[in-house]
C-alpha atoms as a PDB file:
ATOM      1  CA  MET A   1      91.328  33.956  -5.455  1.00  0.00           C
ATOM      2  CA  GLN A   2      91.942  30.306  -6.808  1.00  0.00           C
ATOM      3  CA  ARG A   3      95.890  31.489  -7.567  1.00  0.00           C
ATOM      4  CA  TYR A   4      96.267  32.583  -3.998  1.00  0.00           C
ATOM      5  CA  ARG A   5      93.982  30.133  -2.380  1.00  0.00           C
ATOM      6  CA  GLN A   6      96.700  27.564  -1.233  1.00  0.00           C
ATOM      7  CA  PRO A   7      99.521  29.870  -0.702  1.00  0.00           C
ATOM      8  CA  LEU A   8      97.353  31.742   1.694  1.00  0.00           C
ATOM      9  CA  LEU A   9      95.659  29.029   3.328  1.00  0.00           C
ATOM     10  CA  GLU A  10      99.065  27.362   4.702  1.00  0.00           C
ATOM     11  CA  PRO A  11     100.224  30.266   6.648  1.00  0.00           C
ATOM     12  CA  ILE A  12      96.401  30.730   8.265  1.00  0.00           C
ATOM     13  CA  ALA A  13      96.203  27.278   8.914  1.00  0.00           C
ATOM     14  CA  LYS A  14      99.867  27.277  10.851  1.00  0.00           C
ATOM     15  CA  VAL A  15      98.594  30.307  12.518  1.00  0.00           C
ATOM     16  CA  GLU A  16     101.283  32.364  11.064  1.00  0.00           C
ATOM     17  CA  ILE A  17      99.148  35.152   9.724  1.00  0.00           C
ATOM     18  CA  ASP A  18      95.363  36.325  10.691  1.00  0.00           C
ATOM     19  CA  PRO A  19      93.115  37.410   8.058  1.00  0.00           C
ATOM     20  CA  GLY A  20      90.744  38.625  10.410  1.00  0.00           C
ATOM     21  CA  TYR A  21      92.278  42.160  10.360  1.00  0.00           C
ATOM     22  CA  ILE A  22      90.594  42.670   6.915  1.00  0.00           C
ATOM     23  CA  ILE A  23      86.809  42.122   8.221  1.00  0.00           C
ATOM     24  CA  THR A  24      85.333  45.460   8.950  1.00  0.00           C
ATOM     25  CA  HIS A  25      82.095  44.461   9.126  1.00  0.00           C
ATOM     26  CA  ARG A  26      80.186  41.699  10.494  1.00  0.00           C
ATOM     27  CA  LEU A  27      76.478  41.917   9.810  1.00  0.00           C
ATOM     28  CA  PRO A  28      73.274  39.945  10.207  1.00  0.00           C
ATOM     29  CA  LEU A  29      72.132  37.615   7.337  1.00  0.00           C
ATOM     30  CA  GLU A  30      69.110  39.548   6.899  1.00  0.00           C
ATOM     31  CA  GLU A  31      71.154  42.738   5.789  1.00  0.00           C
ATOM     32  CA  ALA A  32      72.761  40.771   2.870  1.00  0.00           C
ATOM     33  CA  ALA A  33      71.364  42.887   0.343  1.00  0.00           C
ATOM     34  CA  PRO A  34      72.393  46.151   2.118  1.00  0.00           C
ATOM     35  CA  SER A  35      75.777  45.205   2.569  1.00  0.00           C
ATOM     36  CA  TYR A  36      76.693  44.982  -1.205  1.00  0.00           C
ATOM     37  CA  LYS A  37      75.773  48.170  -1.529  1.00  0.00           C
ATOM     38  CA  ILE A  38      78.084  49.053   1.819  1.00  0.00           C
ATOM     39  CA  PHE A  39      80.878  47.069  -0.254  1.00  0.00           C
ATOM     40  CA  ARG A  40      80.471  48.271  -3.837  1.00  0.00           C
ATOM     41  CA  ASP A  41      80.174  52.126  -3.006  1.00  0.00           C
ATOM     42  CA  LYS A  42      83.045  51.295  -0.121  1.00  0.00           C
ATOM     43  CA  GLU A  43      80.677  53.128   1.987  1.00  0.00           C
ATOM     44  CA  GLU A  44      81.947  53.414   5.980  1.00  0.00           C
ATOM     45  CA  ASP A  45      85.540  52.280   5.176  1.00  0.00           C
ATOM     46  CA  CYS A  46      84.327  48.888   4.080  1.00  0.00           C
ATOM     47  CA  ASN A  47      86.961  46.401   3.500  1.00  0.00           C
ATOM     48  CA  LYS A  48      85.146  42.717   3.858  1.00  0.00           C
ATOM     49  CA  VAL A  49      81.535  42.345   5.111  1.00  0.00           C
ATOM     50  CA  VAL A  50      80.884  38.853   7.009  1.00  0.00           C
ATOM     51  CA  LEU A  51      77.197  37.835   6.917  1.00  0.00           C
ATOM     52  CA  LYS A  52      76.374  35.760  10.170  1.00  0.00           C
ATOM     53  CA  PRO A  53      72.983  33.771  10.920  1.00  0.00           C
ATOM     54  CA  GLY A  54      71.296  34.256  14.136  1.00  0.00           C
ATOM     55  CA  ILE A  55      73.086  37.914  15.348  1.00  0.00           C
ATOM     56  CA  SER A  56      71.086  41.178  14.821  1.00  0.00           C
ATOM     57  CA  ARG A  57      71.632  44.582  15.685  1.00  0.00           C
ATOM     58  CA  SER A  58      69.859  44.375  18.593  1.00  0.00           C
ATOM     59  CA  ASN A  59      72.270  41.612  20.441  1.00  0.00           C
ATOM     60  CA  GLY A  60      75.454  43.668  19.306  1.00  0.00           C
ATOM     61  CA  ALA A  61      75.726  43.293  15.533  1.00  0.00           C
ATOM     62  CA  ASN A  62      77.419  46.406  13.995  1.00  0.00           C
ATOM     63  CA  ARG A  63      79.446  48.138  11.135  1.00  0.00           C
ATOM     64  CA  ASP A  64      82.863  47.950  12.825  1.00  0.00           C
ATOM     65  CA  GLY A  65      83.443  44.768  13.111  1.00  0.00           C
ATOM     66  CA  ALA A  66      82.387  43.359  16.657  1.00  0.00           C
ATOM     67  CA  ALA A  67      79.653  41.179  16.891  1.00  0.00           C
ATOM     68  CA  GLY A  68      78.555  41.201  20.284  1.00  0.00           C
ATOM     69  CA  ALA A  69      81.210  38.913  21.943  1.00  0.00           C
ATOM     70  CA  ALA A  70      84.790  40.136  22.738  1.00  0.00           C
ATOM     71  CA  PRO A  71      87.235  40.313  19.772  1.00  0.00           C
ATOM     72  CA  ALA A  72      89.005  37.081  19.232  1.00  0.00           C
ATOM     73  CA  GLU A  73      92.887  37.683  19.748  1.00  0.00           C
ATOM     74  CA  ARG A  74      94.609  38.907  16.767  1.00  0.00           C
ATOM     75  CA  ILE A  75      97.760  37.081  15.460  1.00  0.00           C
ATOM     76  CA  PRO A  76     100.227  39.586  13.829  1.00  0.00           C
ATOM     77  CA  ALA A  77     100.742  39.402   9.924  1.00  0.00           C
ATOM     78  CA  LEU A  78     103.567  38.649   9.063  1.00  0.00           C
ATOM     79  CA  SER A  79     105.910  41.398   7.393  1.00  0.00           C
END
């Protein structure tokens, strides 16, 4: 990670690429332990789990990348 951090942060900061496409799961913080198993076993085509305090399954958190609110506009990755 450290090797690629700076080269990746610059195009993200310039809004040239959007790394958000890699996030496949947004889950409540309370589901941290089960999320490790989902990622480790690649269940549900899991690429990246983001744990968000304050969200719950009842207010829209799910395992397909949505977290209640409308999805953010995506900026296409550079080819």
